[in-house]
């Protein structure tokens, strides 16, 4: 496991701490989860962009997806 440190202006840290308290977690847990969520978002975006490229820009409507899944 790797340990790292971050520096924030006092006001920025106060805002982070308030959000962590609102979520009911420690500042460390809040920052770790926020970063991991961002990494997941980036992975999702990359995968979506790759899928769109592989489909040559062809898309399927939400209604078509619902029909295919039998959710209509």
PDB file of N, CA and C in Angstrom:
ATOM      1  N   UNK A   1       0.850  -1.174   0.000  1.00  0.00           N
ATOM      2  CA  UNK A   1       0.000   0.000   0.000  1.00  0.00           C
ATOM      3  C   UNK A   1       0.891   1.231   0.000  1.00  0.00           C
ATOM      4  N   UNK A   2       0.485   2.254  -0.703  1.00  0.00           N
ATOM      5  CA  UNK A   2       1.230   3.496  -0.792  1.00  0.00           C
ATOM      6  C   UNK A   2       0.520   4.583   0.001  1.00  0.00           C
ATOM      7  N   UNK A   3       1.280   5.393   0.670  1.00  0.00           N
ATOM      8  CA  UNK A   3       0.736   6.526   1.419  1.00  0.00           C
ATOM      9  C   UNK A   3       1.163   7.790   0.699  1.00  0.00           C
ATOM     10  N   UNK A   4       0.247   8.742   0.598  1.00  0.00           N
ATOM     11  CA  UNK A   4       0.564  10.011  -0.046  1.00  0.00           C
ATOM     12  C   UNK A   4       0.015  11.141   0.807  1.00  0.00           C
ATOM     13  N   UNK A   5       0.488  12.328   0.558  1.00  0.00           N
ATOM     14  CA  UNK A   5      -0.043  13.483   1.280  1.00  0.00           C
ATOM     15  C   UNK A   5      -0.468  14.535   0.272  1.00  0.00           C
ATOM     16  N   UNK A   6      -1.426  15.340   0.676  1.00  0.00           N
ATOM     17  CA  UNK A   6      -1.948  16.404  -0.173  1.00  0.00           C
ATOM     18  C   UNK A   6      -1.931  17.705   0.610  1.00  0.00           C
ATOM     19  N   UNK A   7      -1.791  18.796  -0.090  1.00  0.00           N
ATOM     20  CA  UNK A   7      -1.832  20.106   0.547  1.00  0.00           C
ATOM     21  C   UNK A   7      -3.024  20.875  -0.005  1.00  0.00           C
ATOM     22  N   UNK A   8      -3.770  21.468   0.903  1.00  0.00           N
ATOM     23  CA  UNK A   8      -4.932  22.272   0.535  1.00  0.00           C
ATOM     24  C   UNK A   8      -4.859  23.612   1.252  1.00  0.00           C
ATOM     25  N   UNK A   9      -5.409  24.607   0.635  1.00  0.00           N
ATOM     26  CA  UNK A   9      -5.608  25.868   1.337  1.00  0.00           C
ATOM     27  C   UNK A   9      -6.610  25.591   2.450  1.00  0.00           C
ATOM     28  N   UNK A  10      -6.529  26.371   3.523  1.00  0.00           N
ATOM     29  CA  UNK A  10      -7.392  26.132   4.682  1.00  0.00           C
ATOM     30  C   UNK A  10      -8.878  26.085   4.291  1.00  0.00           C
ATOM     31  N   UNK A  11      -9.295  26.992   3.456  1.00  0.00           N
ATOM     32  CA  UNK A  11     -10.704  27.047   3.049  1.00  0.00           C
ATOM     33  C   UNK A  11     -11.092  25.797   2.258  1.00  0.00           C
ATOM     34  N   UNK A  12     -10.214  25.338   1.381  1.00  0.00           N
ATOM     35  CA  UNK A  12     -10.494  24.125   0.612  1.00  0.00           C
ATOM     36  C   UNK A  12     -10.632  22.924   1.547  1.00  0.00           C
ATOM     37  N   UNK A  13      -9.736  22.816   2.512  1.00  0.00           N
ATOM     38  CA  UNK A  13      -9.804  21.689   3.446  1.00  0.00           C
ATOM     39  C   UNK A  13     -11.079  21.754   4.272  1.00  0.00           C
ATOM     40  N   UNK A  14     -11.466  22.952   4.686  1.00  0.00           N
ATOM     41  CA  UNK A  14     -12.705  23.105   5.452  1.00  0.00           C
ATOM     42  C   UNK A  14     -13.900  22.584   4.655  1.00  0.00           C
ATOM     43  N   UNK A  15     -13.940  22.915   3.369  1.00  0.00           N
ATOM     44  CA  UNK A  15     -15.042  22.440   2.524  1.00  0.00           C
ATOM     45  C   UNK A  15     -15.020  20.922   2.393  1.00  0.00           C
ATOM     46  N   UNK A  16     -13.836  20.361   2.218  1.00  0.00           N
ATOM     47  CA  UNK A  16     -13.706  18.903   2.116  1.00  0.00           C
ATOM     48  C   UNK A  16     -14.166  18.249   3.409  1.00  0.00           C
ATOM     49  N   UNK A  17     -13.730  18.804   4.531  1.00  0.00           N
ATOM     50  CA  UNK A  17     -14.104  18.254   5.828  1.00  0.00           C
ATOM     51  C   UNK A  17     -15.613  18.323   6.047  1.00  0.00           C
ATOM     52  N   UNK A  18     -16.233  19.420   5.647  1.00  0.00           N
ATOM     53  CA  UNK A  18     -17.685  19.554   5.778  1.00  0.00           C
ATOM     54  C   UNK A  18     -18.410  18.503   4.944  1.00  0.00           C
ATOM     55  N   UNK A  19     -17.937  18.281   3.722  1.00  0.00           N
ATOM     56  CA  UNK A  19     -18.564  17.270   2.868  1.00  0.00           C
ATOM     57  C   UNK A  19     -18.382  15.876   3.447  1.00  0.00           C
ATOM     58  N   UNK A  20     -17.201  15.594   3.968  1.00  0.00           N
ATOM     59  CA  UNK A  20     -16.946  14.294   4.582  1.00  0.00           C
ATOM     60  C   UNK A  20     -17.874  14.086   5.776  1.00  0.00           C
ATOM     61  N   UNK A  21     -18.002  15.105   6.611  1.00  0.00           N
ATOM     62  CA  UNK A  21     -18.898  15.008   7.765  1.00  0.00           C
ATOM     63  C   UNK A  21     -20.334  14.797   7.316  1.00  0.00           C
ATOM     64  N   UNK A  22     -20.740  15.503   6.270  1.00  0.00           N
ATOM     65  CA  UNK A  22     -22.093  15.340   5.738  1.00  0.00           C
ATOM     66  C   UNK A  22     -22.318  13.902   5.280  1.00  0.00           C
ATOM     67  N   UNK A  23     -21.299  13.304   4.660  1.00  0.00           N
ATOM     68  CA  UNK A  23     -21.390  11.922   4.190  1.00  0.00           C
ATOM     69  C   UNK A  23     -21.216  10.920   5.329  1.00  0.00           C
ATOM     70  N   UNK A  24     -20.771  11.392   6.481  1.00  0.00           N
ATOM     71  CA  UNK A  24     -20.592  10.514   7.627  1.00  0.00           C
ATOM     72  C   UNK A  24     -19.332   9.665   7.568  1.00  0.00           C
ATOM     73  N   UNK A  25     -18.311  10.184   6.912  1.00  0.00           N
ATOM     74  CA  UNK A  25     -17.044   9.454   6.787  1.00  0.00           C
ATOM     75  C   UNK A  25     -15.899  10.377   7.165  1.00  0.00           C
ATOM     76  N   UNK A  26     -14.727   9.784   7.339  1.00  0.00           N
ATOM     77  CA  UNK A  26     -13.532  10.578   7.628  1.00  0.00           C
ATOM     78  C   UNK A  26     -13.102  11.327   6.371  1.00  0.00           C
ATOM     79  N   UNK A  27     -12.277  12.331   6.581  1.00  0.00           N
ATOM     80  CA  UNK A  27     -11.741  13.092   5.451  1.00  0.00           C
ATOM     81  C   UNK A  27     -10.941  12.163   4.536  1.00  0.00           C
ATOM     82  N   UNK A  28     -10.148  11.284   5.127  1.00  0.00           N
ATOM     83  CA  UNK A  28      -9.335  10.354   4.332  1.00  0.00           C
ATOM     84  C   UNK A  28     -10.218   9.453   3.473  1.00  0.00           C
ATOM     85  N   UNK A  29     -11.249   8.891   4.081  1.00  0.00           N
ATOM     86  CA  UNK A  29     -12.166   8.023   3.338  1.00  0.00           C
ATOM     87  C   UNK A  29     -12.864   8.798   2.235  1.00  0.00           C
ATOM     88  N   UNK A  30     -13.294  10.010   2.542  1.00  0.00           N
ATOM     89  CA  UNK A  30     -13.975  10.839   1.548  1.00  0.00           C
ATOM     90  C   UNK A  30     -13.069  11.126   0.359  1.00  0.00           C
ATOM     91  N   UNK A  31     -11.822  11.527   0.631  1.00  0.00           N
ATOM     92  CA  UNK A  31     -10.901  11.836  -0.464  1.00  0.00           C
ATOM     93  C   UNK A  31     -10.563  10.594  -1.274  1.00  0.00           C
ATOM     94  N   UNK A  32     -10.322   9.471  -0.591  1.00  0.00           N
ATOM     95  CA  UNK A  32      -9.998   8.228  -1.295  1.00  0.00           C
ATOM     96  C   UNK A  32     -11.153   7.839  -2.216  1.00  0.00           C
ATOM     97  N   UNK A  33     -12.389   7.857  -1.688  1.00  0.00           N
ATOM     98  CA  UNK A  33     -13.535   7.442  -2.492  1.00  0.00           C
ATOM     99  C   UNK A  33     -13.789   8.402  -3.649  1.00  0.00           C
ATOM    100  N   UNK A  34     -13.578   9.687  -3.414  1.00  0.00           N
ATOM    101  CA  UNK A  34     -13.760  10.681  -4.478  1.00  0.00           C
ATOM    102  C   UNK A  34     -12.788  10.425  -5.625  1.00  0.00           C
ATOM    103  N   UNK A  35     -11.552  10.147  -5.287  1.00  0.00           N
ATOM    104  CA  UNK A  35     -10.544   9.867  -6.317  1.00  0.00           C
ATOM    105  C   UNK A  35     -10.867   8.566  -7.046  1.00  0.00           C
ATOM    106  N   UNK A  36     -11.245   7.534  -6.313  1.00  0.00           N
ATOM    107  CA  UNK A  36     -11.580   6.256  -6.950  1.00  0.00           C
ATOM    108  C   UNK A  36     -12.812   6.390  -7.838  1.00  0.00           C
ATOM    109  N   UNK A  37     -13.796   7.187  -7.408  1.00  0.00           N
ATOM    110  CA  UNK A  37     -14.976   7.439  -8.245  1.00  0.00           C
ATOM    111  C   UNK A  37     -14.574   8.123  -9.544  1.00  0.00           C
ATOM    112  N   UNK A  38     -13.657   9.077  -9.467  1.00  0.00           N
ATOM    113  CA  UNK A  38     -13.194   9.780 -10.659  1.00  0.00           C
ATOM    114  C   UNK A  38     -12.475   8.824 -11.610  1.00  0.00           C
ATOM    115  N   UNK A  39     -11.656   7.943 -11.041  1.00  0.00           N
ATOM    116  CA  UNK A  39     -10.977   6.945 -11.874  1.00  0.00           C
ATOM    117  C   UNK A  39     -11.997   6.055 -12.592  1.00  0.00           C
ATOM    118  N   UNK A  40     -13.045   5.649 -11.891  1.00  0.00           N
ATOM    119  CA  UNK A  40     -14.084   4.820 -12.498  1.00  0.00           C
ATOM    120  C   UNK A  40     -14.794   5.584 -13.613  1.00  0.00           C
ATOM    121  N   UNK A  41     -15.082   6.863 -13.375  1.00  0.00           N
ATOM    122  CA  UNK A  41     -15.707   7.694 -14.411  1.00  0.00           C
ATOM    123  C   UNK A  41     -14.827   7.772 -15.655  1.00  0.00           C
ATOM    124  N   UNK A  42     -13.528   7.943 -15.459  1.00  0.00           N
ATOM    125  CA  UNK A  42     -12.606   8.007 -16.589  1.00  0.00           C
ATOM    126  C   UNK A  42     -12.580   6.679 -17.344  1.00  0.00           C
ATOM    127  N   UNK A  43     -12.568   5.579 -16.609  1.00  0.00           N
ATOM    128  CA  UNK A  43     -12.600   4.256 -17.253  1.00  0.00           C
ATOM    129  C   UNK A  43     -13.886   4.074 -18.051  1.00  0.00           C
ATOM    130  N   UNK A  44     -15.008   4.488 -17.464  1.00  0.00           N
ATOM    131  CA  UNK A  44     -16.297   4.371 -18.156  1.00  0.00           C
ATOM    132  C   UNK A  44     -16.314   5.210 -19.427  1.00  0.00           C
ATOM    133  N   UNK A  45     -15.780   6.426 -19.333  1.00  0.00           N
ATOM    134  CA  UNK A  45     -15.735   7.294 -20.509  1.00  0.00           C
ATOM    135  C   UNK A  45     -14.875   6.675 -21.599  1.00  0.00           C
ATOM    136  N   UNK A  46     -13.690   6.179 -21.233  1.00  0.00           N
ATOM    137  CA  UNK A  46     -12.796   5.565 -22.205  1.00  0.00           C
ATOM    138  C   UNK A  46     -13.469   4.378 -22.882  1.00  0.00           C
ATOM    139  N   UNK A  47     -14.139   3.551 -22.085  1.00  0.00           N
ATOM    140  CA  UNK A  47     -14.814   2.383 -22.647  1.00  0.00           C
ATOM    141  C   UNK A  47     -15.941   2.797 -23.587  1.00  0.00           C
ATOM    142  N   UNK A  48     -16.710   3.814 -23.200  1.00  0.00           N
ATOM    143  CA  UNK A  48     -17.800   4.289 -24.063  1.00  0.00           C
ATOM    144  C   UNK A  48     -17.259   4.866 -25.366  1.00  0.00           C
ATOM    145  N   UNK A  49     -16.183   5.644 -25.275  1.00  0.00           N
ATOM    146  CA  UNK A  49     -15.588   6.226 -26.477  1.00  0.00           C
ATOM    147  C   UNK A  49     -15.057   5.130 -27.390  1.00  0.00           C
ATOM    148  N   UNK A  50     -14.441   4.107 -26.813  1.00  0.00           N
ATOM    149  CA  UNK A  50     -13.919   2.995 -27.605  1.00  0.00           C
ATOM    150  C   UNK A  50     -15.067   2.228 -28.276  1.00  0.00           C
ATOM    151  N   UNK A  51     -16.151   1.999 -27.536  1.00  0.00           N
ATOM    152  CA  UNK A  51     -17.307   1.305 -28.112  1.00  0.00           C
ATOM    153  C   UNK A  51     -17.917   2.105 -29.249  1.00  0.00           C
ATOM    154  N   UNK A  52     -18.006   3.422 -29.069  1.00  0.00           N
ATOM    155  CA  UNK A  52     -18.568   4.268 -30.117  1.00  0.00           C
ATOM    156  C   UNK A  52     -17.685   4.233 -31.359  1.00  0.00           C
ATOM    157  N   UNK A  53     -16.378   4.263 -31.165  1.00  0.00           N
ATOM    158  CA  UNK A  53     -15.452   4.200 -32.293  1.00  0.00           C
ATOM    159  C   UNK A  53     -15.589   2.872 -33.031  1.00  0.00           C
ATOM    160  N   UNK A  54     -15.680   1.786 -32.276  1.00  0.00           N
ATOM    161  CA  UNK A  54     -15.789   0.459 -32.886  1.00  0.00           C
ATOM    162  C   UNK A  54     -17.116   0.276 -33.613  1.00  0.00           C
ATOM    163  N   UNK A  55     -18.143   1.037 -33.213  1.00  0.00           N
ATOM    164  CA  UNK A  55     -19.442   0.920 -33.876  1.00  0.00           C
ATOM    165  C   UNK A  55     -19.559   1.873 -35.058  1.00  0.00           C
ATOM    166  N   UNK A  56     -18.444   2.569 -35.372  1.00  0.00           N
ATOM    167  CA  UNK A  56     -18.431   3.549 -36.462  1.00  0.00           C
ATOM    168  C   UNK A  56     -19.485   4.629 -36.268  1.00  0.00           C
ATOM    169  N   UNK A  57     -19.763   4.978 -35.006  1.00  0.00           N
ATOM    170  CA  UNK A  57     -20.703   6.047 -34.694  1.00  0.00           C
ATOM    171  C   UNK A  57     -22.150   5.616 -34.685  1.00  0.00           C
ATOM    172  N   UNK A  58     -22.419   4.354 -35.002  1.00  0.00           N
ATOM    173  CA  UNK A  58     -23.798   3.869 -35.013  1.00  0.00           C
ATOM    174  C   UNK A  58     -24.275   3.708 -33.568  1.00  0.00           C
ATOM    175  N   UNK A  59     -25.453   4.238 -33.279  1.00  0.00           N
ATOM    176  CA  UNK A  59     -26.002   4.150 -31.932  1.00  0.00           C
ATOM    177  C   UNK A  59     -27.353   3.451 -31.953  1.00  0.00           C
ATOM    178  N   UNK A  60     -27.832   3.097 -30.776  1.00  0.00           N
ATOM    179  CA  UNK A  60     -29.141   2.460 -30.619  1.00  0.00           C
ATOM    180  C   UNK A  60     -29.931   3.305 -29.636  1.00  0.00           C
ATOM    181  N   UNK A  61     -31.181   3.570 -29.953  1.00  0.00           N
ATOM    182  CA  UNK A  61     -31.999   4.416 -29.088  1.00  0.00           C
ATOM    183  C   UNK A  61     -32.321   3.715 -27.769  1.00  0.00           C
ATOM    184  N   UNK A  62     -32.670   4.512 -26.783  1.00  0.00           N
ATOM    185  CA  UNK A  62     -33.053   3.971 -25.480  1.00  0.00           C
ATOM    186  C   UNK A  62     -34.267   3.062 -25.620  1.00  0.00           C
ATOM    187  N   UNK A  63     -35.218   3.467 -26.452  1.00  0.00           N
ATOM    188  CA  UNK A  63     -36.415   2.638 -26.669  1.00  0.00           C
ATOM    189  C   UNK A  63     -36.048   1.285 -27.259  1.00  0.00           C
ATOM    190  N   UNK A  64     -35.078   1.279 -28.186  1.00  0.00           N
ATOM    191  CA  UNK A  64     -34.643   0.010 -28.790  1.00  0.00           C
ATOM    192  C   UNK A  64     -33.975  -0.876 -27.747  1.00  0.00           C
ATOM    193  N   UNK A  65     -33.163  -0.296 -26.901  1.00  0.00           N
ATOM    194  CA  UNK A  65     -32.524  -1.069 -25.833  1.00  0.00           C
ATOM    195  C   UNK A  65     -33.581  -1.668 -24.914  1.00  0.00           C
ATOM    196  N   UNK A  66     -34.549  -0.856 -24.537  1.00  0.00           N
ATOM    197  CA  UNK A  66     -35.630  -1.344 -23.657  1.00  0.00           C
ATOM    198  C   UNK A  66     -36.406  -2.485 -24.334  1.00  0.00           C
ATOM    199  N   UNK A  67     -36.658  -2.336 -25.643  1.00  0.00           N
ATOM    200  CA  UNK A  67     -37.377  -3.388 -26.367  1.00  0.00           C
ATOM    201  C   UNK A  67     -36.569  -4.670 -26.366  1.00  0.00           C
ATOM    202  N   UNK A  68     -35.265  -4.554 -26.636  1.00  0.00           N
ATOM    203  CA  UNK A  68     -34.402  -5.724 -26.678  1.00  0.00           C
ATOM    204  C   UNK A  68     -34.321  -6.425 -25.321  1.00  0.00           C
ATOM    205  N   UNK A  69     -34.391  -5.644 -24.257  1.00  0.00           N
ATOM    206  CA  UNK A  69     -34.325  -6.223 -22.913  1.00  0.00           C
ATOM    207  C   UNK A  69     -35.690  -6.640 -22.378  1.00  0.00           C
ATOM    208  N   UNK A  70     -36.737  -6.380 -23.162  1.00  0.00           N
ATOM    209  CA  UNK A  70     -38.088  -6.748 -22.742  1.00  0.00           C
ATOM    210  C   UNK A  70     -38.630  -5.892 -21.620  1.00  0.00           C
ATOM    211  N   UNK A  71     -38.189  -4.655 -21.560  1.00  0.00           N
ATOM    212  CA  UNK A  71     -38.606  -3.753 -20.484  1.00  0.00           C
ATOM    213  C   UNK A  71     -39.772  -2.861 -20.917  1.00  0.00           C
ATOM    214  N   UNK A  72     -40.176  -2.937 -22.141  1.00  0.00           N
ATOM    215  CA  UNK A  72     -41.216  -2.052 -22.690  1.00  0.00           C
ATOM    216  C   UNK A  72     -42.508  -2.212 -21.947  1.00  0.00           C
TER     217      UNK A  72
END
